[in-house]
Amino acid sequence: MNKSICTPYTALTHSLFAKLWVSAFIIFLFSGCQSNGNNYLQGDDAPKQRASYSIYLAGPEVFLPNPIEAGITKKATITRLMKEHNWPFDLVGLYPMDNEIADFAPDFKTGIKIYQANIDLMKRADYVTANMVRFRGPSMDVGTAFEMGYMRGLDKPVFAYYDSMPFYGVTEEPGIYSERVAKHYPLSKDSSEVDVHGQSIENFEMADNLMMIGAINDAKNLKSNQKIAASFEDAIIQIAKSILDGTGESKAP
């Protein structure tokens, strides 16, 4: 073969082969980087997805004159606390009035729609924080009590606080349930241990019914009413601390 023809042809072949080899090597390297977490392009220093936890915001605030504003305020408090404490995760508030109820009307059908919508929110939530303020009597709001029990039934951590200011214009302490009954419900003239109807008054030195106090996160280590936070803000900080130290992680799927 003529060397003048063979030499350029051989050089061209070698050049193409070299380019193909380099291209194949780059593709191999890139594929390996995508599949291996400890690699050159996506090593240990690669940014990790920020964790996010949802909190169901339970309480009788939905009955206040401005219930939507109450929810907005709570969410703004969560946002502020995240910035102030620079937590390595996000907290997202889920408020019952976030739900949009179609064909809203003061009837039974609408009530069931609200119930189902709130159930769906609780299923999405990782935590619940509930205002255990006395409501239309010496004990807490029954709807809020159900929500605490529902979340506990889902094996999700339950947190609580006592905030009376929006309802009565004064700051109250959770105190002891039996003492609150004596103050806000008629008792028997013969005994302070029963009400005017002769029914016994629960007294286990708890702030409310024992089933509600028992539902509060890590109740087995609860020696008093200390886990009932003095404010919504304190309750959110309790949740954040439980995430940081690993004691309040939700066990539900």
C-alpha atoms as a PDB file:
ATOM      1  CA  MET A   1       0.000   0.000   0.000  1.00  0.00           C
ATOM      2  CA  ASN A   2       1.178   3.530  -0.720  1.00  0.00           C
ATOM      3  CA  LYS A   3       2.624   5.022   2.461  1.00  0.00           C
ATOM      4  CA  SER A   4       1.356   8.454   1.463  1.00  0.00           C
ATOM      5  CA  ILE A   5      -2.158   7.055   1.683  1.00  0.00           C
ATOM      6  CA  CYS A   6      -1.636   4.649   4.588  1.00  0.00           C
ATOM      7  CA  THR A   7      -0.048   7.066   7.023  1.00  0.00           C
ATOM      8  CA  PRO A   8      -2.864   9.688   7.096  1.00  0.00           C
ATOM      9  CA  TYR A   9      -5.428   6.884   7.188  1.00  0.00           C
ATOM     10  CA  THR A  10      -3.676   5.246  10.158  1.00  0.00           C
ATOM     11  CA  ALA A  11      -3.338   8.590  11.960  1.00  0.00           C
ATOM     12  CA  LEU A  12      -6.997   9.348  11.405  1.00  0.00           C
ATOM     13  CA  THR A  13      -7.970   5.921  12.744  1.00  0.00           C
ATOM     14  CA  HIS A  14      -5.862   6.381  15.853  1.00  0.00           C
ATOM     15  CA  SER A  15      -7.293   9.851  16.395  1.00  0.00           C
ATOM     16  CA  LEU A  16     -10.887   8.626  16.169  1.00  0.00           C
ATOM     17  CA  PHE A  17     -10.126   5.682  18.432  1.00  0.00           C
ATOM     18  CA  ALA A  18      -8.589   7.988  21.034  1.00  0.00           C
ATOM     19  CA  LYS A  19     -11.604  10.299  20.985  1.00  0.00           C
ATOM     20  CA  LEU A  20     -14.016   7.404  21.330  1.00  0.00           C
ATOM     21  CA  TRP A  21     -12.001   5.978  24.228  1.00  0.00           C
ATOM     22  CA  VAL A  22     -11.982   9.315  26.062  1.00  0.00           C
ATOM     23  CA  SER A  23     -15.725   9.752  25.491  1.00  0.00           C
ATOM     24  CA  ALA A  24     -16.457   6.271  26.783  1.00  0.00           C
ATOM     25  CA  PHE A  25     -14.319   6.904  29.862  1.00  0.00           C
ATOM     26  CA  ILE A  26     -16.139  10.164  30.625  1.00  0.00           C
ATOM     27  CA  ILE A  27     -19.541   8.467  30.258  1.00  0.00           C
ATOM     28  CA  PHE A  28     -18.399   5.630  32.536  1.00  0.00           C
ATOM     29  CA  LEU A  29     -17.099   8.072  35.133  1.00  0.00           C
ATOM     30  CA  PHE A  30     -20.248  10.188  35.065  1.00  0.00           C
ATOM     31  CA  SER A  31     -22.491   7.115  35.388  1.00  0.00           C
ATOM     32  CA  GLY A  32     -20.516   5.950  38.378  1.00  0.00           C
ATOM     33  CA  CYS A  33     -20.835   9.371  39.993  1.00  0.00           C
ATOM     34  CA  GLN A  34     -24.588   9.261  39.643  1.00  0.00           C
ATOM     35  CA  SER A  35     -24.951   5.826  41.223  1.00  0.00           C
ATOM     36  CA  ASN A  36     -22.412   6.198  44.034  1.00  0.00           C
ATOM     37  CA  GLY A  37     -23.008   8.602  46.895  1.00  0.00           C
ATOM     38  CA  ASN A  38     -19.283   8.722  47.781  1.00  0.00           C
ATOM     39  CA  ASN A  39     -17.939   9.813  44.427  1.00  0.00           C
ATOM     40  CA  TYR A  40     -16.015  12.599  42.758  1.00  0.00           C
ATOM     41  CA  LEU A  41     -18.961  14.701  41.595  1.00  0.00           C
ATOM     42  CA  GLN A  42     -21.431  13.922  44.364  1.00  0.00           C
ATOM     43  CA  GLY A  43     -19.305  13.306  47.431  1.00  0.00           C
ATOM     44  CA  ASP A  44     -19.935  13.733  51.128  1.00  0.00           C
ATOM     45  CA  ASP A  45     -19.956  17.501  50.708  1.00  0.00           C
ATOM     46  CA  ALA A  46     -22.902  17.429  48.293  1.00  0.00           C
ATOM     47  CA  PRO A  47     -25.933  19.347  49.602  1.00  0.00           C
ATOM     48  CA  LYS A  48     -28.490  17.167  51.380  1.00  0.00           C
ATOM     49  CA  GLN A  49     -32.240  17.652  51.244  1.00  0.00           C
ATOM     50  CA  ARG A  50     -33.503  19.663  54.219  1.00  0.00           C
ATOM     51  CA  ALA A  51     -35.845  17.736  56.504  1.00  0.00           C
ATOM     52  CA  SER A  52     -39.367  19.049  56.990  1.00  0.00           C
ATOM     53  CA  TYR A  53     -41.911  18.211  59.729  1.00  0.00           C
ATOM     54  CA  SER A  54     -45.601  19.088  59.783  1.00  0.00           C
ATOM     55  CA  ILE A  55     -47.438  20.079  62.957  1.00  0.00           C
ATOM     56  CA  TYR A  56     -51.213  19.897  63.304  1.00  0.00           C
ATOM     57  CA  LEU A  57     -52.305  23.026  65.182  1.00  0.00           C
ATOM     58  CA  ALA A  58     -55.190  21.905  67.380  1.00  0.00           C
ATOM     59  CA  GLY A  59     -57.250  24.073  69.693  1.00  0.00           C
ATOM     60  CA  PRO A  60     -60.506  25.989  70.102  1.00  0.00           C
ATOM     61  CA  GLU A  61     -59.020  28.996  68.291  1.00  0.00           C
ATOM     62  CA  VAL A  62     -61.258  27.990  65.383  1.00  0.00           C
ATOM     63  CA  PHE A  63     -64.162  29.400  67.446  1.00  0.00           C
ATOM     64  CA  LEU A  64     -62.598  32.824  68.024  1.00  0.00           C
ATOM     65  CA  PRO A  65     -64.103  35.903  66.314  1.00  0.00           C
ATOM     66  CA  ASN A  66     -61.113  35.924  63.915  1.00  0.00           C
ATOM     67  CA  PRO A  67     -60.191  32.233  63.580  1.00  0.00           C
ATOM     68  CA  ILE A  68     -58.284  32.542  60.296  1.00  0.00           C
ATOM     69  CA  GLU A  69     -56.129  35.314  61.722  1.00  0.00           C
ATOM     70  CA  ALA A  70     -55.310  33.045  64.685  1.00  0.00           C
ATOM     71  CA  GLY A  71     -53.957  30.424  62.297  1.00  0.00           C
ATOM     72  CA  ILE A  72     -51.907  32.986  60.374  1.00  0.00           C
ATOM     73  CA  THR A  73     -50.397  34.221  63.635  1.00  0.00           C
ATOM     74  CA  LYS A  74     -49.414  30.693  64.683  1.00  0.00           C
ATOM     75  CA  LYS A  75     -47.729  30.000  61.354  1.00  0.00           C
ATOM     76  CA  ALA A  76     -45.882  33.319  61.528  1.00  0.00           C
ATOM     77  CA  THR A  77     -44.647  32.363  65.006  1.00  0.00           C
ATOM     78  CA  ILE A  78     -43.278  29.074  63.649  1.00  0.00           C
ATOM     79  CA  THR A  79     -41.473  30.900  60.829  1.00  0.00           C
ATOM     80  CA  ARG A  80     -39.977  33.406  63.262  1.00  0.00           C
ATOM     81  CA  LEU A  81     -38.758  30.680  65.623  1.00  0.00           C
ATOM     82  CA  MET A  82     -37.092  28.792  62.775  1.00  0.00           C
ATOM     83  CA  LYS A  83     -35.138  31.919  61.838  1.00  0.00           C
ATOM     84  CA  GLU A  84     -34.245  32.813  65.426  1.00  0.00           C
ATOM     85  CA  HIS A  85     -33.023  29.331  66.359  1.00  0.00           C
ATOM     86  CA  ASN A  86     -31.632  28.384  62.938  1.00  0.00           C
ATOM     87  CA  TRP A  87     -32.906  24.820  63.259  1.00  0.00           C
ATOM     88  CA  PRO A  88     -31.518  22.391  60.645  1.00  0.00           C
ATOM     89  CA  PHE A  89     -35.051  21.480  59.544  1.00  0.00           C
ATOM     90  CA  ASP A  90     -38.318  23.125  58.585  1.00  0.00           C
ATOM     91  CA  LEU A  91     -41.501  23.128  60.652  1.00  0.00           C
ATOM     92  CA  VAL A  92     -44.799  23.559  58.813  1.00  0.00           C
ATOM     93  CA  GLY A  93     -48.075  24.352  60.566  1.00  0.00           C
ATOM     94  CA  LEU A  94     -51.275  22.636  59.436  1.00  0.00           C
ATOM     95  CA  TYR A  95     -54.295  24.598  60.654  1.00  0.00           C
ATOM     96  CA  PRO A  96     -57.867  23.239  60.447  1.00  0.00           C
ATOM     97  CA  MET A  97     -59.034  26.299  58.553  1.00  0.00           C
ATOM     98  CA  ASP A  98     -56.469  25.654  55.831  1.00  0.00           C
ATOM     99  CA  ASN A  99     -59.150  23.340  54.466  1.00  0.00           C
ATOM    100  CA  GLU A 100     -61.406  24.611  51.717  1.00  0.00           C
ATOM    101  CA  ILE A 101     -64.888  23.180  52.220  1.00  0.00           C
ATOM    102  CA  ALA A 102     -67.024  23.094  49.079  1.00  0.00           C
ATOM    103  CA  ASP A 103     -70.645  24.236  49.377  1.00  0.00           C
ATOM    104  CA  PHE A 104     -70.151  25.314  52.986  1.00  0.00           C
ATOM    105  CA  ALA A 105     -73.410  25.518  54.928  1.00  0.00           C
ATOM    106  CA  PRO A 106     -74.450  25.224  58.598  1.00  0.00           C
ATOM    107  CA  ASP A 107     -75.687  21.655  58.157  1.00  0.00           C
ATOM    108  CA  PHE A 108     -74.767  18.069  59.014  1.00  0.00           C
ATOM    109  CA  LYS A 109     -73.201  17.363  55.626  1.00  0.00           C
ATOM    110  CA  THR A 110     -70.758  20.272  56.005  1.00  0.00           C
ATOM    111  CA  GLY A 111     -69.863  19.156  59.515  1.00  0.00           C
ATOM    112  CA  ILE A 112     -68.819  15.735  58.205  1.00  0.00           C
ATOM    113  CA  LYS A 113     -66.777  17.389  55.442  1.00  0.00           C
ATOM    114  CA  ILE A 114     -64.892  19.402  58.051  1.00  0.00           C
ATOM    115  CA  TYR A 115     -64.303  16.256  60.109  1.00  0.00           C
ATOM    116  CA  GLN A 116     -62.891  14.363  57.118  1.00  0.00           C
ATOM    117  CA  ALA A 117     -60.713  17.298  56.072  1.00  0.00           C
ATOM    118  CA  ASN A 118     -59.237  17.564  59.567  1.00  0.00           C
ATOM    119  CA  ILE A 119     -58.607  13.806  59.648  1.00  0.00           C
ATOM    120  CA  ASP A 120     -56.689  14.120  56.375  1.00  0.00           C
ATOM    121  CA  LEU A 121     -54.582  16.942  57.831  1.00  0.00           C
ATOM    122  CA  MET A 122     -53.740  14.873  60.907  1.00  0.00           C
ATOM    123  CA  LYS A 123     -52.713  11.919  58.747  1.00  0.00           C
ATOM    124  CA  ARG A 124     -50.284  14.241  56.951  1.00  0.00           C
ATOM    125  CA  ALA A 125     -48.898  15.709  60.174  1.00  0.00           C
ATOM    126  CA  ASP A 126     -45.873  14.422  62.065  1.00  0.00           C
ATOM    127  CA  TYR A 127     -46.835  16.111  65.352  1.00  0.00           C
ATOM    128  CA  VAL A 128     -49.751  17.804  67.052  1.00  0.00           C
ATOM    129  CA  THR A 129     -49.641  20.695  69.469  1.00  0.00           C
ATOM    130  CA  ALA A 130     -52.908  21.401  71.229  1.00  0.00           C
ATOM    131  CA  ASN A 131     -54.218  24.295  73.286  1.00  0.00           C
ATOM    132  CA  MET A 132     -55.667  22.653  76.408  1.00  0.00           C
ATOM    133  CA  VAL A 133     -57.277  25.860  77.664  1.00  0.00           C
ATOM    134  CA  ARG A 134     -60.602  25.393  79.473  1.00  0.00           C
ATOM    135  CA  PHE A 135     -63.424  25.875  77.002  1.00  0.00           C
ATOM    136  CA  ARG A 136     -67.116  26.338  77.860  1.00  0.00           C
ATOM    137  CA  GLY A 137     -66.525  24.656  81.170  1.00  0.00           C
ATOM    138  CA  PRO A 138     -63.681  23.562  83.435  1.00  0.00           C
ATOM    139  CA  SER A 139     -62.188  21.141  80.908  1.00  0.00           C
ATOM    140  CA  MET A 140     -60.610  21.501  77.490  1.00  0.00           C
ATOM    141  CA  ASP A 141     -62.425  21.633  74.146  1.00  0.00           C
ATOM    142  CA  VAL A 142     -63.770  18.179  73.275  1.00  0.00           C
ATOM    143  CA  GLY A 143     -62.807  18.461  69.602  1.00  0.00           C
ATOM    144  CA  THR A 144     -59.225  19.242  70.563  1.00  0.00           C
ATOM    145  CA  ALA A 145     -59.258  16.318  73.000  1.00  0.00           C
ATOM    146  CA  PHE A 146     -60.344  14.006  70.183  1.00  0.00           C
ATOM    147  CA  GLU A 147     -57.546  15.288  67.951  1.00  0.00           C
ATOM    148  CA  MET A 148     -54.940  14.652  70.647  1.00  0.00           C
ATOM    149  CA  GLY A 149     -56.269  11.118  71.082  1.00  0.00           C
ATOM    150  CA  TYR A 150     -56.414  10.507  67.338  1.00  0.00           C
ATOM    151  CA  MET A 151     -52.782  11.533  66.867  1.00  0.00           C
ATOM    152  CA  ARG A 152     -51.727   9.417  69.840  1.00  0.00           C
ATOM    153  CA  GLY A 153     -53.586   6.520  68.250  1.00  0.00           C
ATOM    154  CA  LEU A 154     -51.490   7.045  65.126  1.00  0.00           C
ATOM    155  CA  ASP A 155     -48.409   6.790  67.377  1.00  0.00           C
ATOM    156  CA  LYS A 156     -47.468  10.376  66.628  1.00  0.00           C
ATOM    157  CA  PRO A 157     -46.032  12.631  69.362  1.00  0.00           C
ATOM    158  CA  VAL A 158     -48.537  14.872  71.158  1.00  0.00           C
ATOM    159  CA  PHE A 159     -47.538  18.247  72.597  1.00  0.00           C
ATOM    160  CA  ALA A 160     -49.712  20.696  74.513  1.00  0.00           C
ATOM    161  CA  TYR A 161     -49.865  24.234  75.857  1.00  0.00           C
ATOM    162  CA  TYR A 162     -52.321  26.364  77.826  1.00  0.00           C
ATOM    163  CA  ASP A 163     -53.143  29.789  76.379  1.00  0.00           C
ATOM    164  CA  SER A 164     -56.175  31.550  77.851  1.00  0.00           C
ATOM    165  CA  MET A 165     -55.439  35.126  76.708  1.00  0.00           C
ATOM    166  CA  PRO A 166     -57.267  34.986  73.332  1.00  0.00           C
ATOM    167  CA  PHE A 167     -60.368  33.596  75.039  1.00  0.00           C
ATOM    168  CA  TYR A 168     -60.672  35.399  78.366  1.00  0.00           C
ATOM    169  CA  GLY A 169     -58.273  38.341  78.116  1.00  0.00           C
ATOM    170  CA  VAL A 170     -56.193  37.119  81.070  1.00  0.00           C
ATOM    171  CA  THR A 171     -53.333  34.679  81.560  1.00  0.00           C
ATOM    172  CA  GLU A 172     -54.299  31.561  83.491  1.00  0.00           C
ATOM    173  CA  GLU A 173     -52.149  28.685  84.700  1.00  0.00           C
ATOM    174  CA  PRO A 174     -53.238  25.133  83.797  1.00  0.00           C
ATOM    175  CA  GLY A 175     -53.451  24.401  87.515  1.00  0.00           C
ATOM    176  CA  ILE A 176     -55.190  21.292  88.821  1.00  0.00           C
ATOM    177  CA  TYR A 177     -58.367  20.045  87.182  1.00  0.00           C
ATOM    178  CA  SER A 178     -60.295  19.478  90.413  1.00  0.00           C
ATOM    179  CA  GLU A 179     -59.572  23.055  91.498  1.00  0.00           C
ATOM    180  CA  ARG A 180     -60.740  24.372  88.147  1.00  0.00           C
ATOM    181  CA  VAL A 181     -63.959  22.371  88.456  1.00  0.00           C
ATOM    182  CA  ALA A 182     -64.557  23.915  91.887  1.00  0.00           C
ATOM    183  CA  LYS A 183     -64.115  27.362  90.378  1.00  0.00           C
ATOM    184  CA  HIS A 184     -66.178  26.957  87.220  1.00  0.00           C
ATOM    185  CA  TYR A 185     -68.793  24.324  88.092  1.00  0.00           C
ATOM    186  CA  PRO A 186     -71.228  23.980  91.019  1.00  0.00           C
ATOM    187  CA  LEU A 187     -70.205  21.500  93.686  1.00  0.00           C
ATOM    188  CA  SER A 188     -72.207  19.599  96.231  1.00  0.00           C
ATOM    189  CA  LYS A 189     -72.925  21.483  99.441  1.00  0.00           C
ATOM    190  CA  ASP A 190     -71.888  18.424 101.411  1.00  0.00           C
ATOM    191  CA  SER A 191     -68.574  17.517  99.747  1.00  0.00           C
ATOM    192  CA  SER A 192     -65.991  19.167  97.506  1.00  0.00           C
ATOM    193  CA  GLU A 193     -65.231  15.757  96.008  1.00  0.00           C
ATOM    194  CA  VAL A 194     -68.509  15.580  94.094  1.00  0.00           C
ATOM    195  CA  ASP A 195     -70.419  18.048  91.939  1.00  0.00           C
ATOM    196  CA  VAL A 196     -73.940  19.326  92.450  1.00  0.00           C
ATOM    197  CA  HIS A 197     -75.287  16.179  90.798  1.00  0.00           C
ATOM    198  CA  GLY A 198     -73.397  13.882  93.187  1.00  0.00           C
ATOM    199  CA  GLN A 199     -70.857  12.806  90.531  1.00  0.00           C
ATOM    200  CA  SER A 200     -67.247  12.374  91.630  1.00  0.00           C
ATOM    201  CA  ILE A 201     -64.628  14.867  90.487  1.00  0.00           C
ATOM    202  CA  GLU A 202     -61.447  13.390  89.055  1.00  0.00           C
ATOM    203  CA  ASN A 203     -58.443  14.355  91.152  1.00  0.00           C
ATOM    204  CA  PHE A 204     -55.043  12.957  90.205  1.00  0.00           C
ATOM    205  CA  GLU A 205     -53.167  16.277  90.526  1.00  0.00           C
ATOM    206  CA  MET A 206     -53.375  16.725  86.763  1.00  0.00           C
ATOM    207  CA  ALA A 207     -54.347  19.746  84.691  1.00  0.00           C
ATOM    208  CA  ASP A 208     -57.161  17.894  82.915  1.00  0.00           C
ATOM    209  CA  ASN A 209     -58.582  14.425  82.397  1.00  0.00           C
ATOM    210  CA  LEU A 210     -55.925  11.766  82.961  1.00  0.00           C
ATOM    211  CA  MET A 211     -56.347  10.380  79.447  1.00  0.00           C
ATOM    212  CA  MET A 212     -55.346  13.758  77.979  1.00  0.00           C
ATOM    213  CA  ILE A 213     -52.319  14.184  80.215  1.00  0.00           C
ATOM    214  CA  GLY A 214     -51.355  10.590  79.463  1.00  0.00           C
ATOM    215  CA  ALA A 215     -51.444  11.348  75.730  1.00  0.00           C
ATOM    216  CA  ILE A 216     -48.750  14.010  76.003  1.00  0.00           C
ATOM    217  CA  ASN A 217     -45.421  13.052  74.485  1.00  0.00           C
ATOM    218  CA  ASP A 218     -43.285  10.696  76.586  1.00  0.00           C
ATOM    219  CA  ALA A 219     -45.936  10.543  79.304  1.00  0.00           C
ATOM    220  CA  LYS A 220     -44.119   7.639  80.997  1.00  0.00           C
ATOM    221  CA  ASN A 221     -41.498  10.156  82.166  1.00  0.00           C
ATOM    222  CA  LEU A 222     -44.046  12.819  83.096  1.00  0.00           C
ATOM    223  CA  LYS A 223     -44.021  13.495  86.838  1.00  0.00           C
ATOM    224  CA  SER A 224     -46.186  16.609  86.797  1.00  0.00           C
ATOM    225  CA  ASN A 225     -47.925  19.009  84.418  1.00  0.00           C
ATOM    226  CA  GLN A 226     -44.513  20.283  83.286  1.00  0.00           C
ATOM    227  CA  LYS A 227     -44.975  19.155  79.682  1.00  0.00           C
ATOM    228  CA  ILE A 228     -47.947  21.495  79.205  1.00  0.00           C
ATOM    229  CA  ALA A 229     -46.165  24.534  77.819  1.00  0.00           C
ATOM    230  CA  ALA A 230     -47.096  28.020  78.958  1.00  0.00           C
ATOM    231  CA  SER A 231     -47.528  29.238  75.384  1.00  0.00           C
ATOM    232  CA  PHE A 232     -47.782  28.133  71.779  1.00  0.00           C
ATOM    233  CA  GLU A 233     -44.240  29.380  71.213  1.00  0.00           C
ATOM    234  CA  ASP A 234     -42.898  27.224  74.045  1.00  0.00           C
ATOM    235  CA  ALA A 235     -44.722  24.195  72.658  1.00  0.00           C
ATOM    236  CA  ILE A 236     -43.092  24.640  69.241  1.00  0.00           C
ATOM    237  CA  ILE A 237     -39.684  24.892  70.929  1.00  0.00           C
ATOM    238  CA  GLN A 238     -40.475  21.644  72.788  1.00  0.00           C
ATOM    239  CA  ILE A 239     -41.162  19.935  69.464  1.00  0.00           C
ATOM    240  CA  ALA A 240     -37.953  21.281  67.929  1.00  0.00           C
ATOM    241  CA  LYS A 241     -35.901  20.101  70.904  1.00  0.00           C
ATOM    242  CA  SER A 242     -37.471  16.645  70.717  1.00  0.00           C
ATOM    243  CA  ILE A 243     -36.436  16.423  67.056  1.00  0.00           C
ATOM    244  CA  LEU A 244     -32.906  17.571  67.832  1.00  0.00           C
ATOM    245  CA  ASP A 245     -32.383  15.044  70.639  1.00  0.00           C
ATOM    246  CA  GLY A 246     -34.344  12.266  68.951  1.00  0.00           C
ATOM    247  CA  THR A 247     -36.924  11.780  71.705  1.00  0.00           C
ATOM    248  CA  GLY A 248     -39.962  12.960  69.772  1.00  0.00           C
ATOM    249  CA  GLU A 249     -39.604  11.332  66.386  1.00  0.00           C
ATOM    250  CA  SER A 250     -42.894  10.157  64.945  1.00  0.00           C
ATOM    251  CA  LYS A 251     -43.093   6.362  64.703  1.00  0.00           C
ATOM    252  CA  ALA A 252     -45.962   6.399  62.249  1.00  0.00           C
ATOM    253  CA  PRO A 253     -45.212   5.604  58.587  1.00  0.00           C
END
